[in-house]
C-alpha atoms as a PDB file:
ATOM      1  CA  MET A   1      71.126 129.505  96.499  1.00  0.00           C
ATOM      2  CA  ASP A   2      70.519 133.174  95.863  1.00  0.00           C
ATOM      3  CA  VAL A   3      73.155 133.997  93.279  1.00  0.00           C
ATOM      4  CA  THR A   4      72.455 135.860  90.104  1.00  0.00           C
ATOM      5  CA  ILE A   5      74.940 136.660  87.407  1.00  0.00           C
ATOM      6  CA  TYR A   6      74.434 139.050  84.452  1.00  0.00           C
ATOM      7  CA  THR A   7      76.464 138.022  81.438  1.00  0.00           C
ATOM      8  CA  LYS A   8      76.832 138.453  77.714  1.00  0.00           C
ATOM      9  CA  GLY A   9      77.525 135.602  75.411  1.00  0.00           C
ATOM     10  CA  PHE A  10      80.875 136.826  74.187  1.00  0.00           C
ATOM     11  CA  CYS A  11      82.376 137.669  77.544  1.00  0.00           C
ATOM     12  CA  PRO A  12      85.317 135.598  78.663  1.00  0.00           C
ATOM     13  CA  TYR A  13      85.112 136.994  82.282  1.00  0.00           C
ATOM     14  CA  CYS A  14      81.640 135.702  82.420  1.00  0.00           C
ATOM     15  CA  LYS A  15      82.668 132.264  81.383  1.00  0.00           C
ATOM     16  CA  ARG A  16      85.544 132.485  84.055  1.00  0.00           C
ATOM     17  CA  ALA A  17      83.146 133.498  86.746  1.00  0.00           C
ATOM     18  CA  ILE A  18      80.624 131.021  85.884  1.00  0.00           C
ATOM     19  CA  ALA A  19      83.320 128.162  85.858  1.00  0.00           C
ATOM     20  CA  LEU A  20      84.328 129.203  89.310  1.00  0.00           C
ATOM     21  CA  LEU A  21      80.776 129.103  90.629  1.00  0.00           C
ATOM     22  CA  GLN A  22      80.250 125.819  88.861  1.00  0.00           C
ATOM     23  CA  SER A  23      83.482 124.363  90.408  1.00  0.00           C
ATOM     24  CA  LYS A  24      81.768 124.933  93.866  1.00  0.00           C
ATOM     25  CA  ASN A  25      78.545 123.161  92.721  1.00  0.00           C
ATOM     26  CA  VAL A  26      76.731 126.354  93.389  1.00  0.00           C
ATOM     27  CA  ALA A  27      73.314 126.963  91.795  1.00  0.00           C
ATOM     28  CA  PHE A  28      73.061 130.212  90.137  1.00  0.00           C
ATOM     29  CA  ASN A  29      70.816 132.092  87.891  1.00  0.00           C
ATOM     30  CA  GLU A  30      72.396 133.276  84.645  1.00  0.00           C
ATOM     31  CA  MET A  31      70.757 136.470  83.142  1.00  0.00           C
ATOM     32  CA  ASP A  32      72.121 136.689  79.533  1.00  0.00           C
ATOM     33  CA  VAL A  33      71.701 140.395  78.626  1.00  0.00           C
ATOM     34  CA  THR A  34      73.442 140.130  75.238  1.00  0.00           C
ATOM     35  CA  LYS A  35      70.136 140.992  73.463  1.00  0.00           C
ATOM     36  CA  ASP A  36      68.389 142.554  76.490  1.00  0.00           C
ATOM     37  CA  GLU A  37      69.590 146.119  76.587  1.00  0.00           C
ATOM     38  CA  GLU A  38      66.686 147.216  78.625  1.00  0.00           C
ATOM     39  CA  THR A  39      67.610 144.783  81.451  1.00  0.00           C
ATOM     40  CA  PHE A  40      71.303 145.610  81.338  1.00  0.00           C
ATOM     41  CA  GLN A  41      70.505 149.374  81.406  1.00  0.00           C
ATOM     42  CA  GLN A  42      68.642 148.729  84.775  1.00  0.00           C
ATOM     43  CA  ILE A  43      71.284 146.712  86.208  1.00  0.00           C
ATOM     44  CA  LYS A  44      73.947 149.326  85.150  1.00  0.00           C
ATOM     45  CA  MET A  45      71.727 152.068  86.891  1.00  0.00           C
ATOM     46  CA  LYS A  46      71.547 149.787  90.186  1.00  0.00           C
ATOM     47  CA  THR A  47      75.132 148.932  90.471  1.00  0.00           C
ATOM     48  CA  GLY A  48      76.926 151.857  88.793  1.00  0.00           C
ATOM     49  CA  SER A  49      79.053 149.405  86.569  1.00  0.00           C
ATOM     50  CA  ASP A  50      78.676 149.212  82.887  1.00  0.00           C
ATOM     51  CA  THR A  51      80.612 146.002  82.421  1.00  0.00           C
ATOM     52  CA  VAL A  52      79.717 142.267  82.719  1.00  0.00           C
ATOM     53  CA  PRO A  53      79.544 139.972  84.545  1.00  0.00           C
ATOM     54  CA  GLN A  54      77.543 141.618  87.418  1.00  0.00           C
ATOM     55  CA  ILE A  55      77.362 139.030  90.338  1.00  0.00           C
ATOM     56  CA  PHE A  56      74.724 139.356  92.961  1.00  0.00           C
ATOM     57  CA  ILE A  57      75.112 136.972  96.068  1.00  0.00           C
ATOM     58  CA  HIS A  58      72.020 137.029  98.468  1.00  0.00           C
ATOM     59  CA  GLY A  59      70.838 140.133  96.803  1.00  0.00           C
ATOM     60  CA  GLU A  60      74.261 142.093  97.482  1.00  0.00           C
ATOM     61  CA  PHE A  61      76.244 143.219  94.403  1.00  0.00           C
ATOM     62  CA  ILE A  62      79.723 141.735  94.905  1.00  0.00           C
ATOM     63  CA  GLY A  63      81.138 143.126  91.582  1.00  0.00           C
ATOM     64  CA  GLY A  64      82.413 141.170  88.566  1.00  0.00           C
ATOM     65  CA  CYS A  65      84.871 138.541  87.917  1.00  0.00           C
ATOM     66  CA  ASP A  66      87.912 139.925  89.344  1.00  0.00           C
ATOM     67  CA  GLU A  67      85.792 140.817  92.743  1.00  0.00           C
ATOM     68  CA  LEU A  68      84.530 137.233  92.717  1.00  0.00           C
ATOM     69  CA  TYR A  69      88.138 135.521  92.332  1.00  0.00           C
ATOM     70  CA  ALA A  70      89.302 138.110  94.986  1.00  0.00           C
ATOM     71  CA  LEU A  71      86.820 136.804  97.537  1.00  0.00           C
ATOM     72  CA  GLU A  72      88.037 133.112  96.718  1.00  0.00           C
ATOM     73  CA  GLU A  73      91.658 134.102  97.037  1.00  0.00           C
ATOM     74  CA  LYS A  74      90.889 135.691 100.559  1.00  0.00           C
ATOM     75  CA  GLY A  75      88.962 132.709 101.571  1.00  0.00           C
ATOM     76  CA  LEU A  76      85.657 134.634 101.890  1.00  0.00           C
ATOM     77  CA  LEU A  77      83.778 133.146  99.030  1.00  0.00           C
ATOM     78  CA  ASP A  78      82.471 129.874 100.638  1.00  0.00           C
ATOM     79  CA  SER A  79      81.209 131.916 103.579  1.00  0.00           C
ATOM     80  CA  LYS A  80      79.541 134.526 101.505  1.00  0.00           C
ATOM     81  CA  LEU A  81      77.812 131.532  99.381  1.00  0.00           C
ATOM     82  CA  GLY A  82      76.966 129.845 102.647  1.00  0.00           C
ATOM     83  CA  LEU A  83      79.140 126.681 101.988  1.00  0.00           C
ATOM     84  CA  ASP A  84      80.967 126.758 105.123  1.00  0.00           C
ATOM     85  CA  LYS A  85      78.046 125.512 107.354  1.00  0.00           C
END
């Protein structure tokens, strides 16, 4: 599975996004940038977003927690994650 989520330890939205991914038994790479400002700056420049979580699926930036849940509500998340095969 090619899912990466950039998080900060104190972020409730990060925990919520992780919970959704875990509920789908999706393997993901969590990158905690709480104390890694350099990596966070690089991701912010790449995405144009200055909040966490920042979620990538198969290298595509899909957004944050709200966008992840919106995909789920529309029935598109499983397909994007490759779970509908």
